[in-house]
Amino acid sequence: RQAPGKQRDFVASITTSGSTSDAD
């Protein structure tokens, strides 16, 4: 996600095998 005037930040991801990662 990218808010106005800010850098693009990671939110969450998931692999085809279902492993997830997410931001605080």
PDBML (XML) file of the C-alpha atoms, coordinates in Angstrom:
<?xml version="1.0" encoding="UTF-8" ?>
<PDBx:datablock datablockName="MODEL"
   xmlns:PDBx="http://pdbml.pdb.org/schema/pdbx-v50.xsd"
   xmlns:xsi="http://www.w3.org/2001/XMLSchema-instance"
   xsi:schemaLocation="http://pdbml.pdb.org/schema/pdbx-v50.xsd pdbx-v50.xsd">
   <PDBx:atom_siteCategory>
      <PDBx:atom_site id="1">
         <PDBx:B_iso_or_equiv>0.00</PDBx:B_iso_or_equiv>
         <PDBx:Cartn_x>0.000</PDBx:Cartn_x>
         <PDBx:Cartn_y>0.000</PDBx:Cartn_y>
         <PDBx:Cartn_z>0.000</PDBx:Cartn_z>
         <PDBx:auth_asym_id>A</PDBx:auth_asym_id>
         <PDBx:auth_atom_id>CA</PDBx:auth_atom_id>
         <PDBx:auth_comp_id>ARG</PDBx:auth_comp_id>
         <PDBx:auth_seq_id>1</PDBx:auth_seq_id>
         <PDBx:group_PDB>ATOM</PDBx:group_PDB>
         <PDBx:label_alt_id xsi:nil="true" />
         <PDBx:label_asym_id>A</PDBx:label_asym_id>
         <PDBx:label_atom_id>CA</PDBx:label_atom_id>
         <PDBx:label_comp_id>ARG</PDBx:label_comp_id>
         <PDBx:label_entity_id>1</PDBx:label_entity_id>
         <PDBx:label_seq_id>1</PDBx:label_seq_id>
         <PDBx:occupancy>1.00</PDBx:occupancy>
         <PDBx:pdbx_PDB_model_num>1</PDBx:pdbx_PDB_model_num>
         <PDBx:type_symbol>C</PDBx:type_symbol>
      </PDBx:atom_site>
      <PDBx:atom_site id="2">
         <PDBx:B_iso_or_equiv>0.00</PDBx:B_iso_or_equiv>
         <PDBx:Cartn_x>0.990</PDBx:Cartn_x>
         <PDBx:Cartn_y>3.562</PDBx:Cartn_y>
         <PDBx:Cartn_z>-0.651</PDBx:Cartn_z>
         <PDBx:auth_asym_id>A</PDBx:auth_asym_id>
         <PDBx:auth_atom_id>CA</PDBx:auth_atom_id>
         <PDBx:auth_comp_id>GLN</PDBx:auth_comp_id>
         <PDBx:auth_seq_id>2</PDBx:auth_seq_id>
         <PDBx:group_PDB>ATOM</PDBx:group_PDB>
         <PDBx:label_alt_id xsi:nil="true" />
         <PDBx:label_asym_id>A</PDBx:label_asym_id>
         <PDBx:label_atom_id>CA</PDBx:label_atom_id>
         <PDBx:label_comp_id>GLN</PDBx:label_comp_id>
         <PDBx:label_entity_id>1</PDBx:label_entity_id>
         <PDBx:label_seq_id>2</PDBx:label_seq_id>
         <PDBx:occupancy>1.00</PDBx:occupancy>
         <PDBx:pdbx_PDB_model_num>1</PDBx:pdbx_PDB_model_num>
         <PDBx:type_symbol>C</PDBx:type_symbol>
      </PDBx:atom_site>
      <PDBx:atom_site id="3">
         <PDBx:B_iso_or_equiv>0.00</PDBx:B_iso_or_equiv>
         <PDBx:Cartn_x>-0.435</PDBx:Cartn_x>
         <PDBx:Cartn_y>6.533</PDBx:Cartn_y>
         <PDBx:Cartn_z>1.200</PDBx:Cartn_z>
         <PDBx:auth_asym_id>A</PDBx:auth_asym_id>
         <PDBx:auth_atom_id>CA</PDBx:auth_atom_id>
         <PDBx:auth_comp_id>ALA</PDBx:auth_comp_id>
         <PDBx:auth_seq_id>3</PDBx:auth_seq_id>
         <PDBx:group_PDB>ATOM</PDBx:group_PDB>
         <PDBx:label_alt_id xsi:nil="true" />
         <PDBx:label_asym_id>A</PDBx:label_asym_id>
         <PDBx:label_atom_id>CA</PDBx:label_atom_id>
         <PDBx:label_comp_id>ALA</PDBx:label_comp_id>
         <PDBx:label_entity_id>1</PDBx:label_entity_id>
         <PDBx:label_seq_id>3</PDBx:label_seq_id>
         <PDBx:occupancy>1.00</PDBx:occupancy>
         <PDBx:pdbx_PDB_model_num>1</PDBx:pdbx_PDB_model_num>
         <PDBx:type_symbol>C</PDBx:type_symbol>
      </PDBx:atom_site>
      <PDBx:atom_site id="4">
         <PDBx:B_iso_or_equiv>0.00</PDBx:B_iso_or_equiv>
         <PDBx:Cartn_x>-0.184</PDBx:Cartn_x>
         <PDBx:Cartn_y>10.030</PDBx:Cartn_y>
         <PDBx:Cartn_z>-0.306</PDBx:Cartn_z>
         <PDBx:auth_asym_id>A</PDBx:auth_asym_id>
         <PDBx:auth_atom_id>CA</PDBx:auth_atom_id>
         <PDBx:auth_comp_id>PRO</PDBx:auth_comp_id>
         <PDBx:auth_seq_id>4</PDBx:auth_seq_id>
         <PDBx:group_PDB>ATOM</PDBx:group_PDB>
         <PDBx:label_alt_id xsi:nil="true" />
         <PDBx:label_asym_id>A</PDBx:label_asym_id>
         <PDBx:label_atom_id>CA</PDBx:label_atom_id>
         <PDBx:label_comp_id>PRO</PDBx:label_comp_id>
         <PDBx:label_entity_id>1</PDBx:label_entity_id>
         <PDBx:label_seq_id>4</PDBx:label_seq_id>
         <PDBx:occupancy>1.00</PDBx:occupancy>
         <PDBx:pdbx_PDB_model_num>1</PDBx:pdbx_PDB_model_num>
         <PDBx:type_symbol>C</PDBx:type_symbol>
      </PDBx:atom_site>
      <PDBx:atom_site id="5">
         <PDBx:B_iso_or_equiv>0.00</PDBx:B_iso_or_equiv>
         <PDBx:Cartn_x>3.357</PDBx:Cartn_x>
         <PDBx:Cartn_y>11.352</PDBx:Cartn_y>
         <PDBx:Cartn_z>-0.067</PDBx:Cartn_z>
         <PDBx:auth_asym_id>A</PDBx:auth_asym_id>
         <PDBx:auth_atom_id>CA</PDBx:auth_atom_id>
         <PDBx:auth_comp_id>GLY</PDBx:auth_comp_id>
         <PDBx:auth_seq_id>5</PDBx:auth_seq_id>
         <PDBx:group_PDB>ATOM</PDBx:group_PDB>
         <PDBx:label_alt_id xsi:nil="true" />
         <PDBx:label_asym_id>A</PDBx:label_asym_id>
         <PDBx:label_atom_id>CA</PDBx:label_atom_id>
         <PDBx:label_comp_id>GLY</PDBx:label_comp_id>
         <PDBx:label_entity_id>1</PDBx:label_entity_id>
         <PDBx:label_seq_id>5</PDBx:label_seq_id>
         <PDBx:occupancy>1.00</PDBx:occupancy>
         <PDBx:pdbx_PDB_model_num>1</PDBx:pdbx_PDB_model_num>
         <PDBx:type_symbol>C</PDBx:type_symbol>
      </PDBx:atom_site>
      <PDBx:atom_site id="6">
         <PDBx:B_iso_or_equiv>0.00</PDBx:B_iso_or_equiv>
         <PDBx:Cartn_x>4.710</PDBx:Cartn_x>
         <PDBx:Cartn_y>8.115</PDBx:Cartn_y>
         <PDBx:Cartn_z>1.363</PDBx:Cartn_z>
         <PDBx:auth_asym_id>A</PDBx:auth_asym_id>
         <PDBx:auth_atom_id>CA</PDBx:auth_atom_id>
         <PDBx:auth_comp_id>LYS</PDBx:auth_comp_id>
         <PDBx:auth_seq_id>6</PDBx:auth_seq_id>
         <PDBx:group_PDB>ATOM</PDBx:group_PDB>
         <PDBx:label_alt_id xsi:nil="true" />
         <PDBx:label_asym_id>A</PDBx:label_asym_id>
         <PDBx:label_atom_id>CA</PDBx:label_atom_id>
         <PDBx:label_comp_id>LYS</PDBx:label_comp_id>
         <PDBx:label_entity_id>1</PDBx:label_entity_id>
         <PDBx:label_seq_id>6</PDBx:label_seq_id>
         <PDBx:occupancy>1.00</PDBx:occupancy>
         <PDBx:pdbx_PDB_model_num>1</PDBx:pdbx_PDB_model_num>
         <PDBx:type_symbol>C</PDBx:type_symbol>
      </PDBx:atom_site>
      <PDBx:atom_site id="7">
         <PDBx:B_iso_or_equiv>0.00</PDBx:B_iso_or_equiv>
         <PDBx:Cartn_x>6.618</PDBx:Cartn_x>
         <PDBx:Cartn_y>5.133</PDBx:Cartn_y>
         <PDBx:Cartn_z>0.054</PDBx:Cartn_z>
         <PDBx:auth_asym_id>A</PDBx:auth_asym_id>
         <PDBx:auth_atom_id>CA</PDBx:auth_atom_id>
         <PDBx:auth_comp_id>GLN</PDBx:auth_comp_id>
         <PDBx:auth_seq_id>7</PDBx:auth_seq_id>
         <PDBx:group_PDB>ATOM</PDBx:group_PDB>
         <PDBx:label_alt_id xsi:nil="true" />
         <PDBx:label_asym_id>A</PDBx:label_asym_id>
         <PDBx:label_atom_id>CA</PDBx:label_atom_id>
         <PDBx:label_comp_id>GLN</PDBx:label_comp_id>
         <PDBx:label_entity_id>1</PDBx:label_entity_id>
         <PDBx:label_seq_id>7</PDBx:label_seq_id>
         <PDBx:occupancy>1.00</PDBx:occupancy>
         <PDBx:pdbx_PDB_model_num>1</PDBx:pdbx_PDB_model_num>
         <PDBx:type_symbol>C</PDBx:type_symbol>
      </PDBx:atom_site>
      <PDBx:atom_site id="8">
         <PDBx:B_iso_or_equiv>0.00</PDBx:B_iso_or_equiv>
         <PDBx:Cartn_x>4.974</PDBx:Cartn_x>
         <PDBx:Cartn_y>1.895</PDBx:Cartn_y>
         <PDBx:Cartn_z>-0.956</PDBx:Cartn_z>
         <PDBx:auth_asym_id>A</PDBx:auth_asym_id>
         <PDBx:auth_atom_id>CA</PDBx:auth_atom_id>
         <PDBx:auth_comp_id>ARG</PDBx:auth_comp_id>
         <PDBx:auth_seq_id>8</PDBx:auth_seq_id>
         <PDBx:group_PDB>ATOM</PDBx:group_PDB>
         <PDBx:label_alt_id xsi:nil="true" />
         <PDBx:label_asym_id>A</PDBx:label_asym_id>
         <PDBx:label_atom_id>CA</PDBx:label_atom_id>
         <PDBx:label_comp_id>ARG</PDBx:label_comp_id>
         <PDBx:label_entity_id>1</PDBx:label_entity_id>
         <PDBx:label_seq_id>8</PDBx:label_seq_id>
         <PDBx:occupancy>1.00</PDBx:occupancy>
         <PDBx:pdbx_PDB_model_num>1</PDBx:pdbx_PDB_model_num>
         <PDBx:type_symbol>C</PDBx:type_symbol>
      </PDBx:atom_site>
      <PDBx:atom_site id="9">
         <PDBx:B_iso_or_equiv>0.00</PDBx:B_iso_or_equiv>
         <PDBx:Cartn_x>4.906</PDBx:Cartn_x>
         <PDBx:Cartn_y>-0.471</PDBx:Cartn_y>
         <PDBx:Cartn_z>2.017</PDBx:Cartn_z>
         <PDBx:auth_asym_id>A</PDBx:auth_asym_id>
         <PDBx:auth_atom_id>CA</PDBx:auth_atom_id>
         <PDBx:auth_comp_id>ASP</PDBx:auth_comp_id>
         <PDBx:auth_seq_id>9</PDBx:auth_seq_id>
         <PDBx:group_PDB>ATOM</PDBx:group_PDB>
         <PDBx:label_alt_id xsi:nil="true" />
         <PDBx:label_asym_id>A</PDBx:label_asym_id>
         <PDBx:label_atom_id>CA</PDBx:label_atom_id>
         <PDBx:label_comp_id>ASP</PDBx:label_comp_id>
         <PDBx:label_entity_id>1</PDBx:label_entity_id>
         <PDBx:label_seq_id>9</PDBx:label_seq_id>
         <PDBx:occupancy>1.00</PDBx:occupancy>
         <PDBx:pdbx_PDB_model_num>1</PDBx:pdbx_PDB_model_num>
         <PDBx:type_symbol>C</PDBx:type_symbol>
      </PDBx:atom_site>
      <PDBx:atom_site id="10">
         <PDBx:B_iso_or_equiv>0.00</PDBx:B_iso_or_equiv>
         <PDBx:Cartn_x>4.497</PDBx:Cartn_x>
         <PDBx:Cartn_y>-4.215</PDBx:Cartn_y>
         <PDBx:Cartn_z>2.302</PDBx:Cartn_z>
         <PDBx:auth_asym_id>A</PDBx:auth_asym_id>
         <PDBx:auth_atom_id>CA</PDBx:auth_atom_id>
         <PDBx:auth_comp_id>PHE</PDBx:auth_comp_id>
         <PDBx:auth_seq_id>10</PDBx:auth_seq_id>
         <PDBx:group_PDB>ATOM</PDBx:group_PDB>
         <PDBx:label_alt_id xsi:nil="true" />
         <PDBx:label_asym_id>A</PDBx:label_asym_id>
         <PDBx:label_atom_id>CA</PDBx:label_atom_id>
         <PDBx:label_comp_id>PHE</PDBx:label_comp_id>
         <PDBx:label_entity_id>1</PDBx:label_entity_id>
         <PDBx:label_seq_id>10</PDBx:label_seq_id>
         <PDBx:occupancy>1.00</PDBx:occupancy>
         <PDBx:pdbx_PDB_model_num>1</PDBx:pdbx_PDB_model_num>
         <PDBx:type_symbol>C</PDBx:type_symbol>
      </PDBx:atom_site>
      <PDBx:atom_site id="11">
         <PDBx:B_iso_or_equiv>0.00</PDBx:B_iso_or_equiv>
         <PDBx:Cartn_x>1.197</PDBx:Cartn_x>
         <PDBx:Cartn_y>-5.411</PDBx:Cartn_y>
         <PDBx:Cartn_z>3.781</PDBx:Cartn_z>
         <PDBx:auth_asym_id>A</PDBx:auth_asym_id>
         <PDBx:auth_atom_id>CA</PDBx:auth_atom_id>
         <PDBx:auth_comp_id>VAL</PDBx:auth_comp_id>
         <PDBx:auth_seq_id>11</PDBx:auth_seq_id>
         <PDBx:group_PDB>ATOM</PDBx:group_PDB>
         <PDBx:label_alt_id xsi:nil="true" />
         <PDBx:label_asym_id>A</PDBx:label_asym_id>
         <PDBx:label_atom_id>CA</PDBx:label_atom_id>
         <PDBx:label_comp_id>VAL</PDBx:label_comp_id>
         <PDBx:label_entity_id>1</PDBx:label_entity_id>
         <PDBx:label_seq_id>11</PDBx:label_seq_id>
         <PDBx:occupancy>1.00</PDBx:occupancy>
         <PDBx:pdbx_PDB_model_num>1</PDBx:pdbx_PDB_model_num>
         <PDBx:type_symbol>C</PDBx:type_symbol>
      </PDBx:atom_site>
      <PDBx:atom_site id="12">
         <PDBx:B_iso_or_equiv>0.00</PDBx:B_iso_or_equiv>
         <PDBx:Cartn_x>1.068</PDBx:Cartn_x>
         <PDBx:Cartn_y>-9.185</PDBx:Cartn_y>
         <PDBx:Cartn_z>3.390</PDBx:Cartn_z>
         <PDBx:auth_asym_id>A</PDBx:auth_asym_id>
         <PDBx:auth_atom_id>CA</PDBx:auth_atom_id>
         <PDBx:auth_comp_id>ALA</PDBx:auth_comp_id>
         <PDBx:auth_seq_id>12</PDBx:auth_seq_id>
         <PDBx:group_PDB>ATOM</PDBx:group_PDB>
         <PDBx:label_alt_id xsi:nil="true" />
         <PDBx:label_asym_id>A</PDBx:label_asym_id>
         <PDBx:label_atom_id>CA</PDBx:label_atom_id>
         <PDBx:label_comp_id>ALA</PDBx:label_comp_id>
         <PDBx:label_entity_id>1</PDBx:label_entity_id>
         <PDBx:label_seq_id>12</PDBx:label_seq_id>
         <PDBx:occupancy>1.00</PDBx:occupancy>
         <PDBx:pdbx_PDB_model_num>1</PDBx:pdbx_PDB_model_num>
         <PDBx:type_symbol>C</PDBx:type_symbol>
      </PDBx:atom_site>
      <PDBx:atom_site id="13">
         <PDBx:B_iso_or_equiv>0.00</PDBx:B_iso_or_equiv>
         <PDBx:Cartn_x>2.014</PDBx:Cartn_x>
         <PDBx:Cartn_y>-12.042</PDBx:Cartn_y>
         <PDBx:Cartn_z>1.083</PDBx:Cartn_z>
         <PDBx:auth_asym_id>A</PDBx:auth_asym_id>
         <PDBx:auth_atom_id>CA</PDBx:auth_atom_id>
         <PDBx:auth_comp_id>SER</PDBx:auth_comp_id>
         <PDBx:auth_seq_id>13</PDBx:auth_seq_id>
         <PDBx:group_PDB>ATOM</PDBx:group_PDB>
         <PDBx:label_alt_id xsi:nil="true" />
         <PDBx:label_asym_id>A</PDBx:label_asym_id>
         <PDBx:label_atom_id>CA</PDBx:label_atom_id>
         <PDBx:label_comp_id>SER</PDBx:label_comp_id>
         <PDBx:label_entity_id>1</PDBx:label_entity_id>
         <PDBx:label_seq_id>13</PDBx:label_seq_id>
         <PDBx:occupancy>1.00</PDBx:occupancy>
         <PDBx:pdbx_PDB_model_num>1</PDBx:pdbx_PDB_model_num>
         <PDBx:type_symbol>C</PDBx:type_symbol>
      </PDBx:atom_site>
      <PDBx:atom_site id="14">
         <PDBx:B_iso_or_equiv>0.00</PDBx:B_iso_or_equiv>
         <PDBx:Cartn_x>1.176</PDBx:Cartn_x>
         <PDBx:Cartn_y>-15.684</PDBx:Cartn_y>
         <PDBx:Cartn_z>0.537</PDBx:Cartn_z>
         <PDBx:auth_asym_id>A</PDBx:auth_asym_id>
         <PDBx:auth_atom_id>CA</PDBx:auth_atom_id>
         <PDBx:auth_comp_id>ILE</PDBx:auth_comp_id>
         <PDBx:auth_seq_id>14</PDBx:auth_seq_id>
         <PDBx:group_PDB>ATOM</PDBx:group_PDB>
         <PDBx:label_alt_id xsi:nil="true" />
         <PDBx:label_asym_id>A</PDBx:label_asym_id>
         <PDBx:label_atom_id>CA</PDBx:label_atom_id>
         <PDBx:label_comp_id>ILE</PDBx:label_comp_id>
         <PDBx:label_entity_id>1</PDBx:label_entity_id>
         <PDBx:label_seq_id>14</PDBx:label_seq_id>
         <PDBx:occupancy>1.00</PDBx:occupancy>
         <PDBx:pdbx_PDB_model_num>1</PDBx:pdbx_PDB_model_num>
         <PDBx:type_symbol>C</PDBx:type_symbol>
      </PDBx:atom_site>
      <PDBx:atom_site id="15">
         <PDBx:B_iso_or_equiv>0.00</PDBx:B_iso_or_equiv>
         <PDBx:Cartn_x>2.844</PDBx:Cartn_x>
         <PDBx:Cartn_y>-18.414</PDBx:Cartn_y>
         <PDBx:Cartn_z>-1.497</PDBx:Cartn_z>
         <PDBx:auth_asym_id>A</PDBx:auth_asym_id>
         <PDBx:auth_atom_id>CA</PDBx:auth_atom_id>
         <PDBx:auth_comp_id>THR</PDBx:auth_comp_id>
         <PDBx:auth_seq_id>15</PDBx:auth_seq_id>
         <PDBx:group_PDB>ATOM</PDBx:group_PDB>
         <PDBx:label_alt_id xsi:nil="true" />
         <PDBx:label_asym_id>A</PDBx:label_asym_id>
         <PDBx:label_atom_id>CA</PDBx:label_atom_id>
         <PDBx:label_comp_id>THR</PDBx:label_comp_id>
         <PDBx:label_entity_id>1</PDBx:label_entity_id>
         <PDBx:label_seq_id>15</PDBx:label_seq_id>
         <PDBx:occupancy>1.00</PDBx:occupancy>
         <PDBx:pdbx_PDB_model_num>1</PDBx:pdbx_PDB_model_num>
         <PDBx:type_symbol>C</PDBx:type_symbol>
      </PDBx:atom_site>
      <PDBx:atom_site id="16">
         <PDBx:B_iso_or_equiv>0.00</PDBx:B_iso_or_equiv>
         <PDBx:Cartn_x>1.114</PDBx:Cartn_x>
         <PDBx:Cartn_y>-21.063</PDBx:Cartn_y>
         <PDBx:Cartn_z>-3.565</PDBx:Cartn_z>
         <PDBx:auth_asym_id>A</PDBx:auth_asym_id>
         <PDBx:auth_atom_id>CA</PDBx:auth_atom_id>
         <PDBx:auth_comp_id>THR</PDBx:auth_comp_id>
         <PDBx:auth_seq_id>16</PDBx:auth_seq_id>
         <PDBx:group_PDB>ATOM</PDBx:group_PDB>
         <PDBx:label_alt_id xsi:nil="true" />
         <PDBx:label_asym_id>A</PDBx:label_asym_id>
         <PDBx:label_atom_id>CA</PDBx:label_atom_id>
         <PDBx:label_comp_id>THR</PDBx:label_comp_id>
         <PDBx:label_entity_id>1</PDBx:label_entity_id>
         <PDBx:label_seq_id>16</PDBx:label_seq_id>
         <PDBx:occupancy>1.00</PDBx:occupancy>
         <PDBx:pdbx_PDB_model_num>1</PDBx:pdbx_PDB_model_num>
         <PDBx:type_symbol>C</PDBx:type_symbol>
      </PDBx:atom_site>
      <PDBx:atom_site id="17">
         <PDBx:B_iso_or_equiv>0.00</PDBx:B_iso_or_equiv>
         <PDBx:Cartn_x>1.813</PDBx:Cartn_x>
         <PDBx:Cartn_y>-23.488</PDBx:Cartn_y>
         <PDBx:Cartn_z>-0.716</PDBx:Cartn_z>
         <PDBx:auth_asym_id>A</PDBx:auth_asym_id>
         <PDBx:auth_atom_id>CA</PDBx:auth_atom_id>
         <PDBx:auth_comp_id>SER</PDBx:auth_comp_id>
         <PDBx:auth_seq_id>17</PDBx:auth_seq_id>
         <PDBx:group_PDB>ATOM</PDBx:group_PDB>
         <PDBx:label_alt_id xsi:nil="true" />
         <PDBx:label_asym_id>A</PDBx:label_asym_id>
         <PDBx:label_atom_id>CA</PDBx:label_atom_id>
         <PDBx:label_comp_id>SER</PDBx:label_comp_id>
         <PDBx:label_entity_id>1</PDBx:label_entity_id>
         <PDBx:label_seq_id>17</PDBx:label_seq_id>
         <PDBx:occupancy>1.00</PDBx:occupancy>
         <PDBx:pdbx_PDB_model_num>1</PDBx:pdbx_PDB_model_num>
         <PDBx:type_symbol>C</PDBx:type_symbol>
      </PDBx:atom_site>
      <PDBx:atom_site id="18">
         <PDBx:B_iso_or_equiv>0.00</PDBx:B_iso_or_equiv>
         <PDBx:Cartn_x>0.022</PDBx:Cartn_x>
         <PDBx:Cartn_y>-21.217</PDBx:Cartn_y>
         <PDBx:Cartn_z>1.746</PDBx:Cartn_z>
         <PDBx:auth_asym_id>A</PDBx:auth_asym_id>
         <PDBx:auth_atom_id>CA</PDBx:auth_atom_id>
         <PDBx:auth_comp_id>GLY</PDBx:auth_comp_id>
         <PDBx:auth_seq_id>18</PDBx:auth_seq_id>
         <PDBx:group_PDB>ATOM</PDBx:group_PDB>
         <PDBx:label_alt_id xsi:nil="true" />
         <PDBx:label_asym_id>A</PDBx:label_asym_id>
         <PDBx:label_atom_id>CA</PDBx:label_atom_id>
         <PDBx:label_comp_id>GLY</PDBx:label_comp_id>
         <PDBx:label_entity_id>1</PDBx:label_entity_id>
         <PDBx:label_seq_id>18</PDBx:label_seq_id>
         <PDBx:occupancy>1.00</PDBx:occupancy>
         <PDBx:pdbx_PDB_model_num>1</PDBx:pdbx_PDB_model_num>
         <PDBx:type_symbol>C</PDBx:type_symbol>
      </PDBx:atom_site>
      <PDBx:atom_site id="19">
         <PDBx:B_iso_or_equiv>0.00</PDBx:B_iso_or_equiv>
         <PDBx:Cartn_x>2.943</PDBx:Cartn_x>
         <PDBx:Cartn_y>-19.739</PDBx:Cartn_y>
         <PDBx:Cartn_z>3.654</PDBx:Cartn_z>
         <PDBx:auth_asym_id>A</PDBx:auth_asym_id>
         <PDBx:auth_atom_id>CA</PDBx:auth_atom_id>
         <PDBx:auth_comp_id>SER</PDBx:auth_comp_id>
         <PDBx:auth_seq_id>19</PDBx:auth_seq_id>
         <PDBx:group_PDB>ATOM</PDBx:group_PDB>
         <PDBx:label_alt_id xsi:nil="true" />
         <PDBx:label_asym_id>A</PDBx:label_asym_id>
         <PDBx:label_atom_id>CA</PDBx:label_atom_id>
         <PDBx:label_comp_id>SER</PDBx:label_comp_id>
         <PDBx:label_entity_id>1</PDBx:label_entity_id>
         <PDBx:label_seq_id>19</PDBx:label_seq_id>
         <PDBx:occupancy>1.00</PDBx:occupancy>
         <PDBx:pdbx_PDB_model_num>1</PDBx:pdbx_PDB_model_num>
         <PDBx:type_symbol>C</PDBx:type_symbol>
      </PDBx:atom_site>
      <PDBx:atom_site id="20">
         <PDBx:B_iso_or_equiv>0.00</PDBx:B_iso_or_equiv>
         <PDBx:Cartn_x>2.111</PDBx:Cartn_x>
         <PDBx:Cartn_y>-16.207</PDBx:Cartn_y>
         <PDBx:Cartn_z>4.729</PDBx:Cartn_z>
         <PDBx:auth_asym_id>A</PDBx:auth_asym_id>
         <PDBx:auth_atom_id>CA</PDBx:auth_atom_id>
         <PDBx:auth_comp_id>THR</PDBx:auth_comp_id>
         <PDBx:auth_seq_id>20</PDBx:auth_seq_id>
         <PDBx:group_PDB>ATOM</PDBx:group_PDB>
         <PDBx:label_alt_id xsi:nil="true" />
         <PDBx:label_asym_id>A</PDBx:label_asym_id>
         <PDBx:label_atom_id>CA</PDBx:label_atom_id>
         <PDBx:label_comp_id>THR</PDBx:label_comp_id>
         <PDBx:label_entity_id>1</PDBx:label_entity_id>
         <PDBx:label_seq_id>20</PDBx:label_seq_id>
         <PDBx:occupancy>1.00</PDBx:occupancy>
         <PDBx:pdbx_PDB_model_num>1</PDBx:pdbx_PDB_model_num>
         <PDBx:type_symbol>C</PDBx:type_symbol>
      </PDBx:atom_site>
      <PDBx:atom_site id="21">
         <PDBx:B_iso_or_equiv>0.00</PDBx:B_iso_or_equiv>
         <PDBx:Cartn_x>3.976</PDBx:Cartn_x>
         <PDBx:Cartn_y>-13.142</PDBx:Cartn_y>
         <PDBx:Cartn_z>5.825</PDBx:Cartn_z>
         <PDBx:auth_asym_id>A</PDBx:auth_asym_id>
         <PDBx:auth_atom_id>CA</PDBx:auth_atom_id>
         <PDBx:auth_comp_id>SER</PDBx:auth_comp_id>
         <PDBx:auth_seq_id>21</PDBx:auth_seq_id>
         <PDBx:group_PDB>ATOM</PDBx:group_PDB>
         <PDBx:label_alt_id xsi:nil="true" />
         <PDBx:label_asym_id>A</PDBx:label_asym_id>
         <PDBx:label_atom_id>CA</PDBx:label_atom_id>
         <PDBx:label_comp_id>SER</PDBx:label_comp_id>
         <PDBx:label_entity_id>1</PDBx:label_entity_id>
         <PDBx:label_seq_id>21</PDBx:label_seq_id>
         <PDBx:occupancy>1.00</PDBx:occupancy>
         <PDBx:pdbx_PDB_model_num>1</PDBx:pdbx_PDB_model_num>
         <PDBx:type_symbol>C</PDBx:type_symbol>
      </PDBx:atom_site>
      <PDBx:atom_site id="22">
         <PDBx:B_iso_or_equiv>0.00</PDBx:B_iso_or_equiv>
         <PDBx:Cartn_x>2.459</PDBx:Cartn_x>
         <PDBx:Cartn_y>-9.909</PDBx:Cartn_y>
         <PDBx:Cartn_z>7.083</PDBx:Cartn_z>
         <PDBx:auth_asym_id>A</PDBx:auth_asym_id>
         <PDBx:auth_atom_id>CA</PDBx:auth_atom_id>
         <PDBx:auth_comp_id>ASP</PDBx:auth_comp_id>
         <PDBx:auth_seq_id>22</PDBx:auth_seq_id>
         <PDBx:group_PDB>ATOM</PDBx:group_PDB>
         <PDBx:label_alt_id xsi:nil="true" />
         <PDBx:label_asym_id>A</PDBx:label_asym_id>
         <PDBx:label_atom_id>CA</PDBx:label_atom_id>
         <PDBx:label_comp_id>ASP</PDBx:label_comp_id>
         <PDBx:label_entity_id>1</PDBx:label_entity_id>
         <PDBx:label_seq_id>22</PDBx:label_seq_id>
         <PDBx:occupancy>1.00</PDBx:occupancy>
         <PDBx:pdbx_PDB_model_num>1</PDBx:pdbx_PDB_model_num>
         <PDBx:type_symbol>C</PDBx:type_symbol>
      </PDBx:atom_site>
      <PDBx:atom_site id="23">
         <PDBx:B_iso_or_equiv>0.00</PDBx:B_iso_or_equiv>
         <PDBx:Cartn_x>3.473</PDBx:Cartn_x>
         <PDBx:Cartn_y>-6.507</PDBx:Cartn_y>
         <PDBx:Cartn_z>8.306</PDBx:Cartn_z>
         <PDBx:auth_asym_id>A</PDBx:auth_asym_id>
         <PDBx:auth_atom_id>CA</PDBx:auth_atom_id>
         <PDBx:auth_comp_id>ALA</PDBx:auth_comp_id>
         <PDBx:auth_seq_id>23</PDBx:auth_seq_id>
         <PDBx:group_PDB>ATOM</PDBx:group_PDB>
         <PDBx:label_alt_id xsi:nil="true" />
         <PDBx:label_asym_id>A</PDBx:label_asym_id>
         <PDBx:label_atom_id>CA</PDBx:label_atom_id>
         <PDBx:label_comp_id>ALA</PDBx:label_comp_id>
         <PDBx:label_entity_id>1</PDBx:label_entity_id>
         <PDBx:label_seq_id>23</PDBx:label_seq_id>
         <PDBx:occupancy>1.00</PDBx:occupancy>
         <PDBx:pdbx_PDB_model_num>1</PDBx:pdbx_PDB_model_num>
         <PDBx:type_symbol>C</PDBx:type_symbol>
      </PDBx:atom_site>
      <PDBx:atom_site id="24">
         <PDBx:B_iso_or_equiv>0.00</PDBx:B_iso_or_equiv>
         <PDBx:Cartn_x>2.972</PDBx:Cartn_x>
         <PDBx:Cartn_y>-5.357</PDBx:Cartn_y>
         <PDBx:Cartn_z>11.878</PDBx:Cartn_z>
         <PDBx:auth_asym_id>A</PDBx:auth_asym_id>
         <PDBx:auth_atom_id>CA</PDBx:auth_atom_id>
         <PDBx:auth_comp_id>ASP</PDBx:auth_comp_id>
         <PDBx:auth_seq_id>24</PDBx:auth_seq_id>
         <PDBx:group_PDB>ATOM</PDBx:group_PDB>
         <PDBx:label_alt_id xsi:nil="true" />
         <PDBx:label_asym_id>A</PDBx:label_asym_id>
         <PDBx:label_atom_id>CA</PDBx:label_atom_id>
         <PDBx:label_comp_id>ASP</PDBx:label_comp_id>
         <PDBx:label_entity_id>1</PDBx:label_entity_id>
         <PDBx:label_seq_id>24</PDBx:label_seq_id>
         <PDBx:occupancy>1.00</PDBx:occupancy>
         <PDBx:pdbx_PDB_model_num>1</PDBx:pdbx_PDB_model_num>
         <PDBx:type_symbol>C</PDBx:type_symbol>
      </PDBx:atom_site>
   </PDBx:atom_siteCategory>
</PDBx:datablock>
